[in-house]
């Protein structure tokens, strides 16, 4: 009798934790969507904005890592790896992360927000393509069809938006570059997290610190300093709060929900950004853009719900763009 009550209590607790984890993923998606709007509202140079955003993120993450380091079970540094090698690996991750952030922020300022988020949402397709090309994985034909449909629909949306004053071919090209770099960050980070046992918060702190060190001199050379308008600095701080909080929520949620559950929820980002762009920046959608966006999200939903992506993304630290 007692064992049955204990088992029932454990099941109830597990269900409660999973529901909270799903809620955390939903909150992360909303926060990442808000980050996209903050970047557009900041209307600043991408390198300078990224520099402020990265340095703003380090103090709160440092506090989290310091608190977690008190637990002897938490691995702040991976065992069996020299500090010099681990720092070098973190700088590799920081290069991917920083370049992905800079190009994403630049794209937000150059073209329509919906274009940038739709292009960024194609990341699962790149991940599967990489697994097929370099890891010898096999993918179901249905997912190949979905990928082709998603890419075609994204192109249709971009072409339909080309008559809009806020659309820019250069911006869409930068968004594609950002897609590739963010996919590289995802894969590189996944390899490190899989190969080395290290606390995810310590890992994120190391990656953001490395990215800050790499981006800062580039911003200095490019702009001759880091000066921005006060309102832009305020929006950089808002982006840090929303983006970093979203990363922390996703890192926590990954422990309790599989990617087959979390990844589809991430597809809520394009619709949320589209609504925000319409409300605050007047980026209205025509019928082709609305239908095309729905087709992209529906096609990607099938991809991210598949066993193919579940296998490639297992134990991933963060399947979302690093905003």
C-alpha atoms as a PDB file:
ATOM      1  CA  UNK A   1       0.000   0.000   0.000  1.00  0.00           C
ATOM      2  CA  UNK A   2       2.752   2.410   1.006  1.00  0.00           C
ATOM      3  CA  UNK A   3       4.851   1.597  -2.073  1.00  0.00           C
ATOM      4  CA  UNK A   4       1.817   2.234  -4.284  1.00  0.00           C
ATOM      5  CA  UNK A   5       1.293   5.658  -2.719  1.00  0.00           C
ATOM      6  CA  UNK A   6       4.965   6.496  -3.162  1.00  0.00           C
ATOM      7  CA  UNK A   7       4.861   5.418  -6.825  1.00  0.00           C
ATOM      8  CA  UNK A   8       1.724   7.511  -7.415  1.00  0.00           C
ATOM      9  CA  UNK A   9       3.350  10.506  -5.728  1.00  0.00           C
ATOM     10  CA  UNK A  10       6.485  10.117  -7.890  1.00  0.00           C
ATOM     11  CA  UNK A  11       4.387   9.919 -11.060  1.00  0.00           C
ATOM     12  CA  UNK A  12       2.445  13.001 -10.043  1.00  0.00           C
ATOM     13  CA  UNK A  13       5.689  14.855  -9.335  1.00  0.00           C
ATOM     14  CA  UNK A  14       7.168  13.800 -12.697  1.00  0.00           C
ATOM     15  CA  UNK A  15       4.064  15.020 -14.539  1.00  0.00           C
ATOM     16  CA  UNK A  16       4.187  18.313 -12.650  1.00  0.00           C
ATOM     17  CA  UNK A  17       7.870  18.833 -13.523  1.00  0.00           C
ATOM     18  CA  UNK A  18       7.261  17.989 -17.186  1.00  0.00           C
ATOM     19  CA  UNK A  19       4.404  20.496 -17.355  1.00  0.00           C
ATOM     20  CA  UNK A  20       6.637  23.155 -15.828  1.00  0.00           C
ATOM     21  CA  UNK A  21       9.372  22.277 -18.328  1.00  0.00           C
ATOM     22  CA  UNK A  22       6.938  22.656 -21.244  1.00  0.00           C
ATOM     23  CA  UNK A  23       5.836  25.993 -19.778  1.00  0.00           C
ATOM     24  CA  UNK A  24       9.518  26.986 -19.596  1.00  0.00           C
ATOM     25  CA  UNK A  25       9.963  26.191 -23.299  1.00  0.00           C
ATOM     26  CA  UNK A  26       6.882  28.255 -24.177  1.00  0.00           C
ATOM     27  CA  UNK A  27       8.207  31.151 -22.084  1.00  0.00           C
ATOM     28  CA  UNK A  28      11.595  30.844 -23.824  1.00  0.00           C
ATOM     29  CA  UNK A  29       9.931  31.071 -27.246  1.00  0.00           C
ATOM     30  CA  UNK A  30       8.041  34.214 -26.203  1.00  0.00           C
ATOM     31  CA  UNK A  31      11.241  35.746 -24.829  1.00  0.00           C
ATOM     32  CA  UNK A  32      13.230  34.955 -27.985  1.00  0.00           C
ATOM     33  CA  UNK A  33      10.460  36.540 -30.046  1.00  0.00           C
ATOM     34  CA  UNK A  34      10.664  39.633 -27.852  1.00  0.00           C
ATOM     35  CA  UNK A  35      14.440  39.695 -28.392  1.00  0.00           C
ATOM     36  CA  UNK A  36      13.920  39.982 -32.156  1.00  0.00           C
ATOM     37  CA  UNK A  37      11.672  43.001 -31.631  1.00  0.00           C
ATOM     38  CA  UNK A  38      14.150  44.587 -29.199  1.00  0.00           C
ATOM     39  CA  UNK A  39      16.956  44.272 -31.744  1.00  0.00           C
ATOM     40  CA  UNK A  40      14.880  45.969 -34.450  1.00  0.00           C
ATOM     41  CA  UNK A  41      13.781  48.705 -32.015  1.00  0.00           C
ATOM     42  CA  UNK A  42      17.415  49.321 -30.994  1.00  0.00           C
ATOM     43  CA  UNK A  43      18.245  50.319 -34.581  1.00  0.00           C
ATOM     44  CA  UNK A  44      21.992  50.206 -33.951  1.00  0.00           C
ATOM     45  CA  UNK A  45      25.147  48.792 -35.525  1.00  0.00           C
ATOM     46  CA  UNK A  46      25.044  45.000 -35.181  1.00  0.00           C
ATOM     47  CA  UNK A  47      28.615  44.662 -33.843  1.00  0.00           C
ATOM     48  CA  UNK A  48      28.187  47.381 -31.214  1.00  0.00           C
ATOM     49  CA  UNK A  49      24.759  46.073 -30.186  1.00  0.00           C
ATOM     50  CA  UNK A  50      26.115  42.518 -29.898  1.00  0.00           C
ATOM     51  CA  UNK A  51      29.055  43.708 -27.794  1.00  0.00           C
ATOM     52  CA  UNK A  52      26.759  45.372 -25.273  1.00  0.00           C
ATOM     53  CA  UNK A  53      24.382  42.396 -25.260  1.00  0.00           C
ATOM     54  CA  UNK A  54      27.172  39.888 -24.578  1.00  0.00           C
ATOM     55  CA  UNK A  55      28.863  41.857 -21.791  1.00  0.00           C
ATOM     56  CA  UNK A  56      25.501  42.533 -20.153  1.00  0.00           C
ATOM     57  CA  UNK A  57      24.888  38.762 -20.009  1.00  0.00           C
ATOM     58  CA  UNK A  58      28.122  37.796 -18.259  1.00  0.00           C
ATOM     59  CA  UNK A  59      27.499  39.112 -14.690  1.00  0.00           C
ATOM     60  CA  UNK A  60      24.175  37.277 -14.115  1.00  0.00           C
ATOM     61  CA  UNK A  61      25.549  34.084 -15.652  1.00  0.00           C
ATOM     62  CA  UNK A  62      28.666  34.382 -13.482  1.00  0.00           C
ATOM     63  CA  UNK A  63      26.444  34.563 -10.391  1.00  0.00           C
ATOM     64  CA  UNK A  64      24.526  31.449 -11.493  1.00  0.00           C
ATOM     65  CA  UNK A  65      27.775  29.551 -12.095  1.00  0.00           C
ATOM     66  CA  UNK A  66      29.227  30.684  -8.751  1.00  0.00           C
ATOM     67  CA  UNK A  67      26.149  29.428  -6.908  1.00  0.00           C
ATOM     68  CA  UNK A  68      26.108  26.116  -8.774  1.00  0.00           C
ATOM     69  CA  UNK A  69      29.844  25.587  -8.206  1.00  0.00           C
ATOM     70  CA  UNK A  70      29.150  25.131  -4.495  1.00  0.00           C
ATOM     71  CA  UNK A  71      27.570  21.787  -5.334  1.00  0.00           C
ATOM     72  CA  UNK A  72      30.408  19.217  -5.509  1.00  0.00           C
ATOM     73  CA  UNK A  73      28.444  17.253  -8.107  1.00  0.00           C
ATOM     74  CA  UNK A  74      28.548  20.141 -10.583  1.00  0.00           C
ATOM     75  CA  UNK A  75      31.373  19.992 -13.137  1.00  0.00           C
ATOM     76  CA  UNK A  76      32.477  23.535 -13.905  1.00  0.00           C
ATOM     77  CA  UNK A  77      35.465  22.255 -15.887  1.00  0.00           C
ATOM     78  CA  UNK A  78      35.441  18.912 -17.736  1.00  0.00           C
ATOM     79  CA  UNK A  79      37.643  16.262 -16.185  1.00  0.00           C
ATOM     80  CA  UNK A  80      40.691  15.030 -18.035  1.00  0.00           C
ATOM     81  CA  UNK A  81      40.926  18.148 -20.207  1.00  0.00           C
ATOM     82  CA  UNK A  82      43.596  20.787 -19.733  1.00  0.00           C
ATOM     83  CA  UNK A  83      42.378  24.315 -19.107  1.00  0.00           C
ATOM     84  CA  UNK A  84      44.226  25.570 -22.187  1.00  0.00           C
ATOM     85  CA  UNK A  85      42.481  23.015 -24.414  1.00  0.00           C
ATOM     86  CA  UNK A  86      39.060  23.714 -22.890  1.00  0.00           C
ATOM     87  CA  UNK A  87      39.515  27.473 -23.323  1.00  0.00           C
ATOM     88  CA  UNK A  88      40.480  26.892 -26.967  1.00  0.00           C
ATOM     89  CA  UNK A  89      37.360  24.771 -27.488  1.00  0.00           C
ATOM     90  CA  UNK A  90      35.215  27.452 -25.858  1.00  0.00           C
ATOM     91  CA  UNK A  91      36.683  30.071 -28.184  1.00  0.00           C
ATOM     92  CA  UNK A  92      35.650  27.890 -31.116  1.00  0.00           C
ATOM     93  CA  UNK A  93      32.110  27.795 -29.733  1.00  0.00           C
ATOM     94  CA  UNK A  94      32.276  31.518 -29.027  1.00  0.00           C
ATOM     95  CA  UNK A  95      33.255  32.199 -32.634  1.00  0.00           C
ATOM     96  CA  UNK A  96      30.183  30.351 -33.899  1.00  0.00           C
ATOM     97  CA  UNK A  97      27.924  31.937 -31.284  1.00  0.00           C
ATOM     98  CA  UNK A  98      29.227  35.479 -31.759  1.00  0.00           C
ATOM     99  CA  UNK A  99      29.124  35.380 -35.550  1.00  0.00           C
ATOM    100  CA  UNK A 100      25.630  33.901 -35.440  1.00  0.00           C
ATOM    101  CA  UNK A 101      24.439  36.693 -33.143  1.00  0.00           C
ATOM    102  CA  UNK A 102      26.058  39.485 -35.173  1.00  0.00           C
ATOM    103  CA  UNK A 103      24.656  38.291 -38.493  1.00  0.00           C
ATOM    104  CA  UNK A 104      21.198  37.663 -36.994  1.00  0.00           C
ATOM    105  CA  UNK A 105      21.130  41.144 -35.450  1.00  0.00           C
ATOM    106  CA  UNK A 106      22.339  42.668 -38.714  1.00  0.00           C
ATOM    107  CA  UNK A 107      19.601  40.862 -40.645  1.00  0.00           C
ATOM    108  CA  UNK A 108      16.935  42.124 -38.221  1.00  0.00           C
ATOM    109  CA  UNK A 109      17.967  45.662 -39.089  1.00  0.00           C
ATOM    110  CA  UNK A 110      18.146  45.114 -42.850  1.00  0.00           C
ATOM    111  CA  UNK A 111      14.995  43.236 -43.825  1.00  0.00           C
ATOM    112  CA  UNK A 112      11.579  42.104 -42.616  1.00  0.00           C
ATOM    113  CA  UNK A 113      11.492  40.382 -39.251  1.00  0.00           C
ATOM    114  CA  UNK A 114       9.319  37.570 -40.613  1.00  0.00           C
ATOM    115  CA  UNK A 115      11.898  36.755 -43.303  1.00  0.00           C
ATOM    116  CA  UNK A 116      14.693  36.514 -40.744  1.00  0.00           C
ATOM    117  CA  UNK A 117      12.735  34.272 -38.365  1.00  0.00           C
ATOM    118  CA  UNK A 118      11.416  32.024 -41.150  1.00  0.00           C
ATOM    119  CA  UNK A 119      14.911  31.568 -42.587  1.00  0.00           C
ATOM    120  CA  UNK A 120      16.281  30.916 -39.098  1.00  0.00           C
ATOM    121  CA  UNK A 121      13.588  28.315 -38.455  1.00  0.00           C
ATOM    122  CA  UNK A 122      15.043  26.197 -41.290  1.00  0.00           C
ATOM    123  CA  UNK A 123      17.897  25.192 -38.961  1.00  0.00           C
ATOM    124  CA  UNK A 124      16.561  21.624 -38.375  1.00  0.00           C
ATOM    125  CA  UNK A 125      16.830  21.012 -42.122  1.00  0.00           C
ATOM    126  CA  UNK A 126      20.499  22.024 -42.125  1.00  0.00           C
ATOM    127  CA  UNK A 127      21.148  19.797 -39.116  1.00  0.00           C
ATOM    128  CA  UNK A 128      19.617  16.790 -40.874  1.00  0.00           C
ATOM    129  CA  UNK A 129      21.491  17.630 -44.098  1.00  0.00           C
ATOM    130  CA  UNK A 130      24.768  17.707 -42.145  1.00  0.00           C
ATOM    131  CA  UNK A 131      23.988  14.354 -40.551  1.00  0.00           C
ATOM    132  CA  UNK A 132      23.290  12.840 -43.966  1.00  0.00           C
ATOM    133  CA  UNK A 133      26.316  14.372 -45.694  1.00  0.00           C
ATOM    134  CA  UNK A 134      28.964  13.898 -43.015  1.00  0.00           C
ATOM    135  CA  UNK A 135      27.667  11.292 -40.574  1.00  0.00           C
ATOM    136  CA  UNK A 136      26.246   8.830 -43.073  1.00  0.00           C
ATOM    137  CA  UNK A 137      22.758   9.023 -41.563  1.00  0.00           C
ATOM    138  CA  UNK A 138      19.663   8.049 -43.551  1.00  0.00           C
ATOM    139  CA  UNK A 139      16.551  10.214 -43.584  1.00  0.00           C
ATOM    140  CA  UNK A 140      12.991   9.251 -44.420  1.00  0.00           C
ATOM    141  CA  UNK A 141      11.825  10.438 -47.843  1.00  0.00           C
ATOM    142  CA  UNK A 142       8.874  12.161 -46.208  1.00  0.00           C
ATOM    143  CA  UNK A 143      11.281  14.472 -44.386  1.00  0.00           C
ATOM    144  CA  UNK A 144      13.094  15.275 -47.620  1.00  0.00           C
ATOM    145  CA  UNK A 145       9.756  16.286 -49.142  1.00  0.00           C
ATOM    146  CA  UNK A 146       8.913  18.409 -46.094  1.00  0.00           C
ATOM    147  CA  UNK A 147      12.305  20.102 -46.270  1.00  0.00           C
ATOM    148  CA  UNK A 148      11.869  20.955 -49.956  1.00  0.00           C
ATOM    149  CA  UNK A 149       8.373  22.321 -49.302  1.00  0.00           C
ATOM    150  CA  UNK A 150       9.597  24.436 -46.356  1.00  0.00           C
ATOM    151  CA  UNK A 151      12.467  25.925 -48.379  1.00  0.00           C
ATOM    152  CA  UNK A 152      10.220  26.602 -51.385  1.00  0.00           C
ATOM    153  CA  UNK A 153       7.594  28.268 -49.198  1.00  0.00           C
ATOM    154  CA  UNK A 154      10.265  30.427 -47.532  1.00  0.00           C
ATOM    155  CA  UNK A 155      11.454  31.582 -50.962  1.00  0.00           C
ATOM    156  CA  UNK A 156       7.848  32.348 -51.928  1.00  0.00           C
ATOM    157  CA  UNK A 157       7.404  34.462 -48.792  1.00  0.00           C
ATOM    158  CA  UNK A 158      10.614  36.382 -49.525  1.00  0.00           C
ATOM    159  CA  UNK A 159       9.588  37.023 -53.145  1.00  0.00           C
ATOM    160  CA  UNK A 160       6.131  38.164 -52.067  1.00  0.00           C
ATOM    161  CA  UNK A 161       7.722  40.556 -49.574  1.00  0.00           C
ATOM    162  CA  UNK A 162      10.132  41.988 -52.153  1.00  0.00           C
ATOM    163  CA  UNK A 163       7.681  44.767 -53.000  1.00  0.00           C
ATOM    164  CA  UNK A 164       7.637  45.896 -49.373  1.00  0.00           C
ATOM    165  CA  UNK A 165       9.702  48.917 -48.423  1.00  0.00           C
ATOM    166  CA  UNK A 166      11.257  47.112 -45.435  1.00  0.00           C
ATOM    167  CA  UNK A 167      12.371  44.083 -47.487  1.00  0.00           C
ATOM    168  CA  UNK A 168      16.013  43.777 -48.529  1.00  0.00           C
ATOM    169  CA  UNK A 169      17.744  41.097 -50.578  1.00  0.00           C
ATOM    170  CA  UNK A 170      20.969  41.829 -48.707  1.00  0.00           C
ATOM    171  CA  UNK A 171      19.108  41.335 -45.424  1.00  0.00           C
ATOM    172  CA  UNK A 172      17.760  37.956 -46.554  1.00  0.00           C
ATOM    173  CA  UNK A 173      21.256  36.902 -47.651  1.00  0.00           C
ATOM    174  CA  UNK A 174      22.653  37.895 -44.244  1.00  0.00           C
ATOM    175  CA  UNK A 175      19.821  35.901 -42.624  1.00  0.00           C
ATOM    176  CA  UNK A 176      20.886  32.836 -44.647  1.00  0.00           C
ATOM    177  CA  UNK A 177      24.496  33.316 -43.518  1.00  0.00           C
ATOM    178  CA  UNK A 178      23.218  33.586 -39.949  1.00  0.00           C
ATOM    179  CA  UNK A 179      21.248  30.359 -40.425  1.00  0.00           C
ATOM    180  CA  UNK A 180      24.420  28.509 -41.437  1.00  0.00           C
ATOM    181  CA  UNK A 181      26.460  29.961 -38.567  1.00  0.00           C
ATOM    182  CA  UNK A 182      23.766  29.219 -35.990  1.00  0.00           C
ATOM    183  CA  UNK A 183      23.490  25.650 -37.252  1.00  0.00           C
ATOM    184  CA  UNK A 184      27.268  25.432 -36.879  1.00  0.00           C
ATOM    185  CA  UNK A 185      26.986  26.706 -33.310  1.00  0.00           C
ATOM    186  CA  UNK A 186      24.302  24.135 -32.578  1.00  0.00           C
ATOM    187  CA  UNK A 187      26.335  21.223 -33.935  1.00  0.00           C
ATOM    188  CA  UNK A 188      29.623  22.377 -32.393  1.00  0.00           C
ATOM    189  CA  UNK A 189      27.976  22.966 -29.012  1.00  0.00           C
ATOM    190  CA  UNK A 190      26.259  19.590 -29.168  1.00  0.00           C
ATOM    191  CA  UNK A 191      29.555  17.807 -29.847  1.00  0.00           C
ATOM    192  CA  UNK A 192      31.246  19.539 -26.899  1.00  0.00           C
ATOM    193  CA  UNK A 193      28.339  18.893 -24.527  1.00  0.00           C
ATOM    194  CA  UNK A 194      28.160  15.256 -25.599  1.00  0.00           C
ATOM    195  CA  UNK A 195      31.899  14.610 -25.412  1.00  0.00           C
ATOM    196  CA  UNK A 196      32.636  16.506 -22.193  1.00  0.00           C
ATOM    197  CA  UNK A 197      30.658  16.368 -18.964  1.00  0.00           C
ATOM    198  CA  UNK A 198      30.334  19.986 -17.923  1.00  0.00           C
ATOM    199  CA  UNK A 199      27.607  22.044 -16.298  1.00  0.00           C
ATOM    200  CA  UNK A 200      25.458  23.648 -19.039  1.00  0.00           C
ATOM    201  CA  UNK A 201      25.391  27.019 -17.287  1.00  0.00           C
ATOM    202  CA  UNK A 202      29.169  27.036 -16.951  1.00  0.00           C
ATOM    203  CA  UNK A 203      29.373  26.055 -20.599  1.00  0.00           C
ATOM    204  CA  UNK A 204      27.091  28.913 -21.676  1.00  0.00           C
ATOM    205  CA  UNK A 205      29.060  31.378 -19.535  1.00  0.00           C
ATOM    206  CA  UNK A 206      32.310  30.248 -21.149  1.00  0.00           C
ATOM    207  CA  UNK A 207      30.841  30.484 -24.641  1.00  0.00           C
ATOM    208  CA  UNK A 208      29.411  33.974 -24.104  1.00  0.00           C
ATOM    209  CA  UNK A 209      32.646  35.167 -22.481  1.00  0.00           C
ATOM    210  CA  UNK A 210      34.664  33.880 -25.443  1.00  0.00           C
ATOM    211  CA  UNK A 211      32.206  35.479 -27.876  1.00  0.00           C
ATOM    212  CA  UNK A 212      32.463  38.805 -26.025  1.00  0.00           C
ATOM    213  CA  UNK A 213      36.267  38.731 -26.183  1.00  0.00           C
ATOM    214  CA  UNK A 214      36.146  37.977 -29.918  1.00  0.00           C
ATOM    215  CA  UNK A 215      33.432  40.472 -30.902  1.00  0.00           C
ATOM    216  CA  UNK A 216      34.655  43.418 -28.808  1.00  0.00           C
ATOM    217  CA  UNK A 217      37.838  44.221 -30.809  1.00  0.00           C
ATOM    218  CA  UNK A 218      35.924  43.772 -34.082  1.00  0.00           C
ATOM    219  CA  UNK A 219      33.364  46.331 -32.933  1.00  0.00           C
ATOM    220  CA  UNK A 220      36.156  48.673 -31.902  1.00  0.00           C
ATOM    221  CA  UNK A 221      37.918  48.408 -35.275  1.00  0.00           C
ATOM    222  CA  UNK A 222      34.671  48.673 -37.239  1.00  0.00           C
ATOM    223  CA  UNK A 223      33.146  51.596 -35.337  1.00  0.00           C
ATOM    224  CA  UNK A 224      36.083  53.135 -33.529  1.00  0.00           C
ATOM    225  CA  UNK A 225      34.333  52.433 -30.231  1.00  0.00           C
ATOM    226  CA  UNK A 226      31.148  51.033 -28.725  1.00  0.00           C
ATOM    227  CA  UNK A 227      29.093  54.185 -28.489  1.00  0.00           C
ATOM    228  CA  UNK A 228      25.354  53.860 -29.085  1.00  0.00           C
ATOM    229  CA  UNK A 229      22.326  55.967 -28.343  1.00  0.00           C
ATOM    230  CA  UNK A 230      20.944  55.549 -24.853  1.00  0.00           C
ATOM    231  CA  UNK A 231      17.783  53.940 -26.174  1.00  0.00           C
ATOM    232  CA  UNK A 232      19.859  51.386 -28.119  1.00  0.00           C
ATOM    233  CA  UNK A 233      21.823  50.489 -24.976  1.00  0.00           C
ATOM    234  CA  UNK A 234      18.517  50.063 -23.136  1.00  0.00           C
ATOM    235  CA  UNK A 235      17.232  47.705 -25.833  1.00  0.00           C
ATOM    236  CA  UNK A 236      20.537  45.795 -25.732  1.00  0.00           C
ATOM    237  CA  UNK A 237      19.953  45.298 -22.006  1.00  0.00           C
ATOM    238  CA  UNK A 238      16.376  44.153 -22.719  1.00  0.00           C
ATOM    239  CA  UNK A 239      17.703  41.717 -25.336  1.00  0.00           C
ATOM    240  CA  UNK A 240      20.176  40.344 -22.800  1.00  0.00           C
ATOM    241  CA  UNK A 241      17.455  39.830 -20.183  1.00  0.00           C
ATOM    242  CA  UNK A 242      15.025  38.145 -22.561  1.00  0.00           C
ATOM    243  CA  UNK A 243      17.619  36.155 -24.518  1.00  0.00           C
ATOM    244  CA  UNK A 244      19.684  34.956 -21.559  1.00  0.00           C
ATOM    245  CA  UNK A 245      16.571  34.058 -19.559  1.00  0.00           C
ATOM    246  CA  UNK A 246      15.314  32.072 -22.548  1.00  0.00           C
ATOM    247  CA  UNK A 247      18.617  30.179 -22.781  1.00  0.00           C
ATOM    248  CA  UNK A 248      18.542  29.350 -19.064  1.00  0.00           C
ATOM    249  CA  UNK A 249      14.938  28.139 -19.310  1.00  0.00           C
ATOM    250  CA  UNK A 250      15.752  25.940 -22.305  1.00  0.00           C
ATOM    251  CA  UNK A 251      18.849  24.487 -20.660  1.00  0.00           C
ATOM    252  CA  UNK A 252      16.747  23.546 -17.634  1.00  0.00           C
ATOM    253  CA  UNK A 253      13.830  22.223 -19.712  1.00  0.00           C
ATOM    254  CA  UNK A 254      16.056  19.952 -21.832  1.00  0.00           C
ATOM    255  CA  UNK A 255      16.483  17.706 -18.799  1.00  0.00           C
ATOM    256  CA  UNK A 256      12.767  17.008 -18.511  1.00  0.00           C
ATOM    257  CA  UNK A 257      11.284  17.147 -22.017  1.00  0.00           C
ATOM    258  CA  UNK A 258      12.518  15.413 -25.203  1.00  0.00           C
ATOM    259  CA  UNK A 259      13.378  17.419 -28.288  1.00  0.00           C
ATOM    260  CA  UNK A 260      10.329  15.920 -30.016  1.00  0.00           C
ATOM    261  CA  UNK A 261       8.299  18.054 -27.597  1.00  0.00           C
ATOM    262  CA  UNK A 262      10.466  21.176 -27.303  1.00  0.00           C
ATOM    263  CA  UNK A 263      11.471  21.604 -30.969  1.00  0.00           C
ATOM    264  CA  UNK A 264       7.899  21.939 -32.338  1.00  0.00           C
ATOM    265  CA  UNK A 265       7.186  24.604 -29.732  1.00  0.00           C
ATOM    266  CA  UNK A 266      10.108  26.645 -31.082  1.00  0.00           C
ATOM    267  CA  UNK A 267       8.171  27.012 -34.322  1.00  0.00           C
ATOM    268  CA  UNK A 268       5.949  29.467 -32.496  1.00  0.00           C
ATOM    269  CA  UNK A 269       8.686  32.077 -32.953  1.00  0.00           C
ATOM    270  CA  UNK A 270       7.870  33.179 -36.553  1.00  0.00           C
ATOM    271  CA  UNK A 271       4.126  33.768 -35.907  1.00  0.00           C
ATOM    272  CA  UNK A 272       4.850  35.664 -32.684  1.00  0.00           C
ATOM    273  CA  UNK A 273       7.475  37.837 -34.384  1.00  0.00           C
ATOM    274  CA  UNK A 274       5.130  38.445 -37.324  1.00  0.00           C
ATOM    275  CA  UNK A 275       2.412  39.696 -34.974  1.00  0.00           C
ATOM    276  CA  UNK A 276       4.894  41.886 -33.100  1.00  0.00           C
ATOM    277  CA  UNK A 277       6.319  43.271 -36.350  1.00  0.00           C
ATOM    278  CA  UNK A 278       2.795  44.150 -37.510  1.00  0.00           C
ATOM    279  CA  UNK A 279       1.840  45.819 -34.241  1.00  0.00           C
ATOM    280  CA  UNK A 280       5.017  47.822 -33.622  1.00  0.00           C
ATOM    281  CA  UNK A 281       6.701  48.241 -37.005  1.00  0.00           C
ATOM    282  CA  UNK A 282       3.797  48.148 -39.449  1.00  0.00           C
ATOM    283  CA  UNK A 283       5.038  45.032 -41.279  1.00  0.00           C
ATOM    284  CA  UNK A 284       1.709  43.731 -42.564  1.00  0.00           C
ATOM    285  CA  UNK A 285       1.355  40.363 -44.303  1.00  0.00           C
ATOM    286  CA  UNK A 286      -0.167  39.753 -47.707  1.00  0.00           C
ATOM    287  CA  UNK A 287      -2.058  36.527 -48.502  1.00  0.00           C
ATOM    288  CA  UNK A 288       0.979  34.848 -50.115  1.00  0.00           C
ATOM    289  CA  UNK A 289       3.181  35.675 -47.126  1.00  0.00           C
ATOM    290  CA  UNK A 290       0.578  34.490 -44.608  1.00  0.00           C
ATOM    291  CA  UNK A 291      -0.119  31.214 -46.449  1.00  0.00           C
ATOM    292  CA  UNK A 292       3.573  30.643 -47.194  1.00  0.00           C
ATOM    293  CA  UNK A 293       4.521  31.171 -43.553  1.00  0.00           C
ATOM    294  CA  UNK A 294       1.862  28.682 -42.463  1.00  0.00           C
ATOM    295  CA  UNK A 295       3.211  26.143 -44.976  1.00  0.00           C
ATOM    296  CA  UNK A 296       6.779  26.629 -43.675  1.00  0.00           C
ATOM    297  CA  UNK A 297       5.731  26.126 -40.051  1.00  0.00           C
ATOM    298  CA  UNK A 298       3.550  23.106 -40.912  1.00  0.00           C
ATOM    299  CA  UNK A 299       6.330  21.465 -42.951  1.00  0.00           C
ATOM    300  CA  UNK A 300       8.924  22.059 -40.253  1.00  0.00           C
ATOM    301  CA  UNK A 301       6.515  20.723 -37.638  1.00  0.00           C
ATOM    302  CA  UNK A 302       6.614  17.363 -39.414  1.00  0.00           C
ATOM    303  CA  UNK A 303      10.417  17.475 -39.586  1.00  0.00           C
ATOM    304  CA  UNK A 304      11.024  18.294 -35.933  1.00  0.00           C
ATOM    305  CA  UNK A 305       8.452  15.725 -34.773  1.00  0.00           C
ATOM    306  CA  UNK A 306      10.257  12.976 -36.669  1.00  0.00           C
ATOM    307  CA  UNK A 307      12.595  10.366 -35.244  1.00  0.00           C
ATOM    308  CA  UNK A 308      15.329  11.652 -37.584  1.00  0.00           C
ATOM    309  CA  UNK A 309      15.758  14.973 -35.816  1.00  0.00           C
ATOM    310  CA  UNK A 310      15.096  13.395 -32.413  1.00  0.00           C
ATOM    311  CA  UNK A 311      18.216  11.273 -32.953  1.00  0.00           C
ATOM    312  CA  UNK A 312      20.413  14.151 -34.148  1.00  0.00           C
ATOM    313  CA  UNK A 313      19.258  16.606 -31.461  1.00  0.00           C
ATOM    314  CA  UNK A 314      19.336  14.245 -28.493  1.00  0.00           C
ATOM    315  CA  UNK A 315      20.836  15.943 -25.430  1.00  0.00           C
ATOM    316  CA  UNK A 316      21.276  19.183 -27.381  1.00  0.00           C
ATOM    317  CA  UNK A 317      21.998  22.228 -25.279  1.00  0.00           C
ATOM    318  CA  UNK A 318      20.045  24.763 -27.253  1.00  0.00           C
ATOM    319  CA  UNK A 319      18.178  24.247 -30.520  1.00  0.00           C
ATOM    320  CA  UNK A 320      17.297  27.916 -30.930  1.00  0.00           C
ATOM    321  CA  UNK A 321      19.118  30.902 -32.420  1.00  0.00           C
ATOM    322  CA  UNK A 322      21.447  32.567 -29.915  1.00  0.00           C
ATOM    323  CA  UNK A 323      19.589  35.829 -29.394  1.00  0.00           C
END
